[in-house]
């Protein structure tokens, strides 16, 4: 029973760390595009 609990615990901790990490990477890319790339090509 202990090993099953450890596997389930590890799975949920991994999911809880992976999802925010992916969102942070997407946020950094979006912020870069918004702050650096967008001013290079202003709207007409």
PDB file of N, CA and C in Angstrom:
ATOM      1  N   UNK A   1       0.829  -1.205   0.000  1.00  0.00           N
ATOM      2  CA  UNK A   1       0.000   0.000   0.000  1.00  0.00           C
ATOM      3  C   UNK A   1       0.868   1.262   0.000  1.00  0.00           C
ATOM      4  N   UNK A   2       1.967   1.197   0.694  1.00  0.00           N
ATOM      5  CA  UNK A   2       2.826   2.372   0.790  1.00  0.00           C
ATOM      6  C   UNK A   2       3.407   2.748  -0.570  1.00  0.00           C
ATOM      7  N   UNK A   3       3.823   1.753  -1.354  1.00  0.00           N
ATOM      8  CA  UNK A   3       4.402   2.072  -2.653  1.00  0.00           C
ATOM      9  C   UNK A   3       3.354   2.640  -3.604  1.00  0.00           C
ATOM     10  N   UNK A   4       2.114   2.163  -3.519  1.00  0.00           N
ATOM     11  CA  UNK A   4       1.048   2.726  -4.355  1.00  0.00           C
ATOM     12  C   UNK A   4       0.795   4.181  -3.980  1.00  0.00           C
ATOM     13  N   UNK A   5       0.782   4.457  -2.705  1.00  0.00           N
ATOM     14  CA  UNK A   5       0.599   5.844  -2.258  1.00  0.00           C
ATOM     15  C   UNK A   5       1.750   6.721  -2.741  1.00  0.00           C
ATOM     16  N   UNK A   6       2.962   6.196  -2.720  1.00  0.00           N
ATOM     17  CA  UNK A   6       4.115   6.961  -3.185  1.00  0.00           C
ATOM     18  C   UNK A   6       4.022   7.253  -4.678  1.00  0.00           C
ATOM     19  N   UNK A   7       3.548   6.284  -5.455  1.00  0.00           N
ATOM     20  CA  UNK A   7       3.409   6.490  -6.901  1.00  0.00           C
ATOM     21  C   UNK A   7       2.356   7.548  -7.187  1.00  0.00           C
ATOM     22  N   UNK A   8       1.217   7.455  -6.520  1.00  0.00           N
ATOM     23  CA  UNK A   8       0.139   8.433  -6.721  1.00  0.00           C
ATOM     24  C   UNK A   8       0.601   9.818  -6.284  1.00  0.00           C
ATOM     25  N   UNK A   9       1.283   9.902  -5.137  1.00  0.00           N
ATOM     26  CA  UNK A   9       1.783  11.181  -4.634  1.00  0.00           C
ATOM     27  C   UNK A   9       2.778  11.797  -5.619  1.00  0.00           C
ATOM     28  N   UNK A  10       3.685  10.980  -6.142  1.00  0.00           N
ATOM     29  CA  UNK A  10       4.677  11.466  -7.093  1.00  0.00           C
ATOM     30  C   UNK A  10       4.014  11.954  -8.368  1.00  0.00           C
ATOM     31  N   UNK A  11       2.994  11.236  -8.833  1.00  0.00           N
ATOM     32  CA  UNK A  11       2.280  11.647 -10.040  1.00  0.00           C
ATOM     33  C   UNK A  11       1.641  13.013  -9.854  1.00  0.00           C
ATOM     34  N   UNK A  12       0.958  13.237  -8.745  1.00  0.00           N
ATOM     35  CA  UNK A  12       0.267  14.507  -8.542  1.00  0.00           C
ATOM     36  C   UNK A  12       1.236  15.650  -8.319  1.00  0.00           C
ATOM     37  N   UNK A  13       2.337  15.385  -7.626  1.00  0.00           N
ATOM     38  CA  UNK A  13       3.347  16.436  -7.455  1.00  0.00           C
ATOM     39  C   UNK A  13       3.949  16.800  -8.807  1.00  0.00           C
ATOM     40  N   UNK A  14       4.211  15.795  -9.647  1.00  0.00           N
ATOM     41  CA  UNK A  14       4.759  16.063 -10.975  1.00  0.00           C
ATOM     42  C   UNK A  14       3.776  16.888 -11.797  1.00  0.00           C
ATOM     43  N   UNK A  15       2.496  16.526 -11.762  1.00  0.00           N
ATOM     44  CA  UNK A  15       1.485  17.285 -12.509  1.00  0.00           C
ATOM     45  C   UNK A  15       1.382  18.714 -11.982  1.00  0.00           C
ATOM     46  N   UNK A  16       1.470  18.863 -10.669  1.00  0.00           N
ATOM     47  CA  UNK A  16       1.364  20.193 -10.067  1.00  0.00           C
ATOM     48  C   UNK A  16       2.584  21.057 -10.390  1.00  0.00           C
ATOM     49  N   UNK A  17       3.706  20.452 -10.718  1.00  0.00           N
ATOM     50  CA  UNK A  17       4.897  21.223 -11.075  1.00  0.00           C
ATOM     51  C   UNK A  17       5.007  21.460 -12.576  1.00  0.00           C
ATOM     52  N   UNK A  18       4.549  20.512 -13.378  1.00  0.00           N
ATOM     53  CA  UNK A  18       4.693  20.629 -14.829  1.00  0.00           C
ATOM     54  C   UNK A  18       3.746  21.680 -15.395  1.00  0.00           C
ATOM     55  N   UNK A  19       2.507  21.682 -14.968  1.00  0.00           N
ATOM     56  CA  UNK A  19       1.519  22.611 -15.529  1.00  0.00           C
ATOM     57  C   UNK A  19       1.921  24.068 -15.284  1.00  0.00           C
ATOM     58  N   UNK A  20       2.254  24.479 -14.066  1.00  0.00           N
ATOM     59  CA  UNK A  20       2.690  25.873 -13.888  1.00  0.00           C
ATOM     60  C   UNK A  20       3.990  26.190 -14.627  1.00  0.00           C
ATOM     61  N   UNK A  21       4.870  25.222 -14.731  1.00  0.00           N
ATOM     62  CA  UNK A  21       6.116  25.466 -15.463  1.00  0.00           C
ATOM     63  C   UNK A  21       5.847  25.764 -16.931  1.00  0.00           C
ATOM     64  N   UNK A  22       4.945  25.012 -17.545  1.00  0.00           N
ATOM     65  CA  UNK A  22       4.584  25.255 -18.937  1.00  0.00           C
ATOM     66  C   UNK A  22       3.931  26.629 -19.083  1.00  0.00           C
ATOM     67  N   UNK A  23       3.068  26.978 -18.142  1.00  0.00           N
ATOM     68  CA  UNK A  23       2.416  28.287 -18.202  1.00  0.00           C
ATOM     69  C   UNK A  23       3.423  29.424 -18.042  1.00  0.00           C
ATOM     70  N   UNK A  24       4.431  29.240 -17.208  1.00  0.00           N
ATOM     71  CA  UNK A  24       5.463  30.270 -17.037  1.00  0.00           C
ATOM     72  C   UNK A  24       6.247  30.446 -18.332  1.00  0.00           C
ATOM     73  N   UNK A  25       6.607  29.354 -18.979  1.00  0.00           N
ATOM     74  CA  UNK A  25       7.349  29.450 -20.243  1.00  0.00           C
ATOM     75  C   UNK A  25       6.502  30.165 -21.294  1.00  0.00           C
ATOM     76  N   UNK A  26       5.226  29.821 -21.397  1.00  0.00           N
ATOM     77  CA  UNK A  26       4.342  30.500 -22.355  1.00  0.00           C
ATOM     78  C   UNK A  26       4.222  31.980 -22.020  1.00  0.00           C
ATOM     79  N   UNK A  27       4.139  32.307 -20.741  1.00  0.00           N
ATOM     80  CA  UNK A  27       4.058  33.708 -20.323  1.00  0.00           C
ATOM     81  C   UNK A  27       5.313  34.487 -20.662  1.00  0.00           C
ATOM     82  N   UNK A  28       6.473  33.858 -20.494  1.00  0.00           N
ATOM     83  CA  UNK A  28       7.725  34.539 -20.826  1.00  0.00           C
ATOM     84  C   UNK A  28       7.801  34.789 -22.324  1.00  0.00           C
ATOM     85  N   UNK A  29       7.420  33.814 -23.122  1.00  0.00           N
ATOM     86  CA  UNK A  29       7.437  33.988 -24.578  1.00  0.00           C
ATOM     87  C   UNK A  29       6.451  35.082 -24.999  1.00  0.00           C
ATOM     88  N   UNK A  30       5.249  35.063 -24.430  1.00  0.00           N
ATOM     89  CA  UNK A  30       4.251  36.082 -24.766  1.00  0.00           C
ATOM     90  C   UNK A  30       4.726  37.473 -24.348  1.00  0.00           C
ATOM     91  N   UNK A  31       5.343  37.578 -23.184  1.00  0.00           N
ATOM     92  CA  UNK A  31       5.868  38.863 -22.729  1.00  0.00           C
ATOM     93  C   UNK A  31       6.983  39.371 -23.617  1.00  0.00           C
ATOM     94  N   UNK A  32       7.835  38.482 -24.073  1.00  0.00           N
ATOM     95  CA  UNK A  32       8.910  38.865 -24.982  1.00  0.00           C
ATOM     96  C   UNK A  32       8.335  39.389 -26.299  1.00  0.00           C
ATOM     97  N   UNK A  33       7.364  38.663 -26.831  1.00  0.00           N
ATOM     98  CA  UNK A  33       6.749  39.104 -28.090  1.00  0.00           C
ATOM     99  C   UNK A  33       6.076  40.455 -27.895  1.00  0.00           C
ATOM    100  N   UNK A  34       5.389  40.617 -26.786  1.00  0.00           N
ATOM    101  CA  UNK A  34       4.655  41.862 -26.545  1.00  0.00           C
ATOM    102  C   UNK A  34       5.597  43.049 -26.341  1.00  0.00           C
ATOM    103  N   UNK A  35       6.681  42.852 -25.585  1.00  0.00           N
ATOM    104  CA  UNK A  35       7.558  43.969 -25.239  1.00  0.00           C
ATOM    105  C   UNK A  35       8.672  44.214 -26.256  1.00  0.00           C
ATOM    106  N   UNK A  36       9.132  43.195 -26.952  1.00  0.00           N
ATOM    107  CA  UNK A  36      10.297  43.351 -27.820  1.00  0.00           C
ATOM    108  C   UNK A  36       9.912  43.320 -29.291  1.00  0.00           C
ATOM    109  N   UNK A  37       9.119  42.354 -29.705  1.00  0.00           N
ATOM    110  CA  UNK A  37       8.831  42.179 -31.126  1.00  0.00           C
ATOM    111  C   UNK A  37       7.748  43.147 -31.594  1.00  0.00           C
ATOM    112  N   UNK A  38       6.708  43.343 -30.810  1.00  0.00           N
ATOM    113  CA  UNK A  38       5.603  44.204 -31.231  1.00  0.00           C
ATOM    114  C   UNK A  38       6.043  45.649 -31.498  1.00  0.00           C
ATOM    115  N   UNK A  39       6.892  46.263 -30.674  1.00  0.00           N
ATOM    116  CA  UNK A  39       7.303  47.646 -30.986  1.00  0.00           C
ATOM    117  C   UNK A  39       8.111  47.769 -32.280  1.00  0.00           C
ATOM    118  N   UNK A  40       8.715  46.693 -32.744  1.00  0.00           N
ATOM    119  CA  UNK A  40       9.464  46.765 -34.003  1.00  0.00           C
ATOM    120  C   UNK A  40       8.537  46.939 -35.201  1.00  0.00           C
ATOM    121  N   UNK A  41       7.327  46.448 -35.088  1.00  0.00           N
ATOM    122  CA  UNK A  41       6.373  46.500 -36.196  1.00  0.00           C
ATOM    123  C   UNK A  41       5.117  47.238 -35.716  1.00  0.00           C
ATOM    124  N   UNK A  42       5.187  48.555 -35.632  1.00  0.00           N
ATOM    125  CA  UNK A  42       4.024  49.307 -35.128  1.00  0.00           C
ATOM    126  C   UNK A  42       2.845  49.255 -36.114  1.00  0.00           C
ATOM    127  N   UNK A  43       1.668  49.435 -35.564  1.00  0.00           N
ATOM    128  CA  UNK A  43       0.489  49.487 -36.420  1.00  0.00           C
ATOM    129  C   UNK A  43       0.507  50.770 -37.237  1.00  0.00           C
ATOM    130  N   UNK A  44      -0.061  50.704 -38.399  1.00  0.00           N
ATOM    131  CA  UNK A  44      -0.005  51.861 -39.298  1.00  0.00           C
ATOM    132  C   UNK A  44      -0.955  52.927 -38.895  1.00  0.00           C
TER     133      UNK A  44
END
